[in-house]
Every structure is written in structure tokens, then in C-alpha cells.
C-alpha atoms as a PDB file:
ATOM      1  CA  UNK A   1       0.000   0.000   0.000  1.00  0.00           C
ATOM      2  CA  UNK A   2       2.878   2.366   0.779  1.00  0.00           C
ATOM      3  CA  UNK A   3       4.364   1.786  -2.689  1.00  0.00           C
ATOM      4  CA  UNK A   4       1.097   2.755  -4.397  1.00  0.00           C
ATOM      5  CA  UNK A   5       0.817   5.860  -2.194  1.00  0.00           C
ATOM      6  CA  UNK A   6       4.432   6.845  -3.019  1.00  0.00           C
ATOM      7  CA  UNK A   7       3.868   6.393  -6.762  1.00  0.00           C
ATOM      8  CA  UNK A   8       0.621   8.404  -6.625  1.00  0.00           C
ATOM      9  CA  UNK A   9       2.241  11.284  -4.717  1.00  0.00           C
ATOM     10  CA  UNK A  10       5.251  11.263  -7.068  1.00  0.00           C
ATOM     11  CA  UNK A  11       3.035  11.408 -10.154  1.00  0.00           C
ATOM     12  CA  UNK A  12       0.950  14.196  -8.584  1.00  0.00           C
ATOM     13  CA  UNK A  13       4.046  16.268  -7.702  1.00  0.00           C
ATOM     14  CA  UNK A  14       5.558  15.803 -11.172  1.00  0.00           C
ATOM     15  CA  UNK A  15       2.243  16.801 -12.787  1.00  0.00           C
ATOM     16  CA  UNK A  16       2.054  19.954 -10.635  1.00  0.00           C
ATOM     17  CA  UNK A  17       5.644  20.887 -11.507  1.00  0.00           C
ATOM     18  CA  UNK A  18       4.857  20.382 -15.191  1.00  0.00           C
ATOM     19  CA  UNK A  19       1.812  22.674 -14.981  1.00  0.00           C
ATOM     20  CA  UNK A  20       3.772  25.368 -13.129  1.00  0.00           C
ATOM     21  CA  UNK A  21       6.560  25.243 -15.704  1.00  0.00           C
ATOM     22  CA  UNK A  22       4.023  25.636 -18.517  1.00  0.00           C
ATOM     23  CA  UNK A  23       2.668  28.751 -16.821  1.00  0.00           C
ATOM     24  CA  UNK A  24       5.865  30.367 -15.529  1.00  0.00           C
ATOM     25  CA  UNK A  25       8.458  29.785 -18.290  1.00  0.00           C
ATOM     26  CA  UNK A  26       6.620  31.680 -21.065  1.00  0.00           C
ATOM     27  CA  UNK A  27       6.264  34.705 -18.779  1.00  0.00           C
ATOM     28  CA  UNK A  28       9.980  34.588 -17.925  1.00  0.00           C
ATOM     29  CA  UNK A  29      11.009  34.311 -21.569  1.00  0.00           C
ATOM     30  CA  UNK A  30       8.728  37.183 -22.581  1.00  0.00           C
ATOM     31  CA  UNK A  31      10.175  39.327 -19.802  1.00  0.00           C
ATOM     32  CA  UNK A  32      13.735  38.438 -20.822  1.00  0.00           C
ATOM     33  CA  UNK A  33      13.030  39.116 -24.514  1.00  0.00           C
ATOM     34  CA  UNK A  34      11.504  42.514 -23.769  1.00  0.00           C
ATOM     35  CA  UNK A  35      14.519  43.514 -21.624  1.00  0.00           C
ATOM     36  CA  UNK A  36      16.929  42.509 -24.392  1.00  0.00           C
ATOM     37  CA  UNK A  37      14.903  44.462 -26.944  1.00  0.00           C
ATOM     38  CA  UNK A  38      14.935  47.563 -24.731  1.00  0.00           C
ATOM     39  CA  UNK A  39      18.707  47.302 -24.315  1.00  0.00           C
ATOM     40  CA  UNK A  40      19.214  46.976 -28.070  1.00  0.00           C
ATOM     41  CA  UNK A  41      17.071  50.007 -28.845  1.00  0.00           C
ATOM     42  CA  UNK A  42      18.864  51.975 -26.117  1.00  0.00           C
ATOM     43  CA  UNK A  43      22.253  51.139 -27.609  1.00  0.00           C
ATOM     44  CA  UNK A  44      21.104  52.131 -31.089  1.00  0.00           C
ATOM     45  CA  UNK A  45      19.829  55.437 -29.741  1.00  0.00           C
ATOM     46  CA  UNK A  46      23.122  56.127 -27.972  1.00  0.00           C
ATOM     47  CA  UNK A  47      25.159  55.331 -31.082  1.00  0.00           C
ATOM     48  CA  UNK A  48      23.045  57.623 -33.241  1.00  0.00           C
ATOM     49  CA  UNK A  49      23.209  60.378 -30.656  1.00  0.00           C
ATOM     50  CA  UNK A  50      26.974  60.269 -30.185  1.00  0.00           C
ATOM     51  CA  UNK A  51      28.139  60.625 -33.804  1.00  0.00           C
ATOM     52  CA  UNK A  52      26.828  63.415 -35.969  1.00  0.00           C
ATOM     53  CA  UNK A  53      26.136  62.520 -39.562  1.00  0.00           C
ATOM     54  CA  UNK A  54      29.157  62.744 -41.851  1.00  0.00           C
ATOM     55  CA  UNK A  55      31.768  62.409 -39.112  1.00  0.00           C
ATOM     56  CA  UNK A  56      34.485  59.809 -39.324  1.00  0.00           C
ATOM     57  CA  UNK A  57      35.707  57.861 -36.348  1.00  0.00           C
ATOM     58  CA  UNK A  58      38.547  55.350 -36.309  1.00  0.00           C
ATOM     59  CA  UNK A  59      38.273  52.681 -33.636  1.00  0.00           C
ATOM     60  CA  UNK A  60      41.588  50.888 -34.233  1.00  0.00           C
ATOM     61  CA  UNK A  61      44.946  52.155 -35.413  1.00  0.00           C
ATOM     62  CA  UNK A  62      47.526  49.442 -36.165  1.00  0.00           C
ATOM     63  CA  UNK A  63      50.926  50.018 -34.580  1.00  0.00           C
ATOM     64  CA  UNK A  64      53.536  51.561 -36.878  1.00  0.00           C
ATOM     65  CA  UNK A  65      56.522  49.332 -37.653  1.00  0.00           C
ATOM     66  CA  UNK A  66      59.827  50.387 -36.186  1.00  0.00           C
ATOM     67  CA  UNK A  67      61.978  52.258 -38.742  1.00  0.00           C
ATOM     68  CA  UNK A  68      65.239  51.549 -36.921  1.00  0.00           C
ATOM     69  CA  UNK A  69      65.323  47.830 -37.713  1.00  0.00           C
ATOM     70  CA  UNK A  70      66.531  48.286 -41.305  1.00  0.00           C
ATOM     71  CA  UNK A  71      69.731  49.972 -40.100  1.00  0.00           C
ATOM     72  CA  UNK A  72      70.707  46.905 -38.101  1.00  0.00           C
ATOM     73  CA  UNK A  73      70.555  44.559 -41.078  1.00  0.00           C
ATOM     74  CA  UNK A  74      73.898  45.627 -42.545  1.00  0.00           C
ATOM     75  CA  UNK A  75      75.186  47.278 -45.701  1.00  0.00           C
ATOM     76  CA  UNK A  76      73.449  46.841 -49.037  1.00  0.00           C
ATOM     77  CA  UNK A  77      75.666  45.633 -51.863  1.00  0.00           C
ATOM     78  CA  UNK A  78      74.605  46.156 -55.485  1.00  0.00           C
ATOM     79  CA  UNK A  79      74.420  42.970 -57.503  1.00  0.00           C
ATOM     80  CA  UNK A  80      75.716  42.954 -61.042  1.00  0.00           C
ATOM     81  CA  UNK A  81      75.344  40.011 -63.328  1.00  0.00           C
ATOM     82  CA  UNK A  82      78.565  39.027 -65.110  1.00  0.00           C
ATOM     83  CA  UNK A  83      78.341  37.211 -68.462  1.00  0.00           C
END
């Protein structure tokens, strides 16, 4: 009798959890999606507001190569082909 009671209670608890998940998860996902959408529109607004139209901005400048390295290579000797 205890086994049947345990199985019945387990099935009832699992069924209740399933019903709660069906009710709660869609609300959580809708809330999360709306927050992400608000953040995206806020970022777009900030980007448009910061740069006036026609301005140029450079985000990355590559480092310039050192000019002093060629002096350390040695003397350059002209090559002439002899026939």
C-alpha cells in the first residue's frame, strides 16, 4: 500500500511541476526578450546620438613598424650580373 501511495504522490508532484513550468516559463522568456529588446534600442539610440552625420571615427589604429630595424641589417651591396 505504501508503494502505491508513493507512486501516486510522485506522479501528482511531477504533474504539478509540469503545470507550473508551462505557466511560468513563457512569462519569464517574454520578460527576458523585452529587456533585451529595450537594451538593443537603447544602444542604437546612444550610437546615433553620439556621432553626428558625416563624421568619421577610427576605432583601431595598427601600430607603426619600427623604422630603426633596417639599419641593423647591414650594408646593401649592389648585384651585377657578369656574363
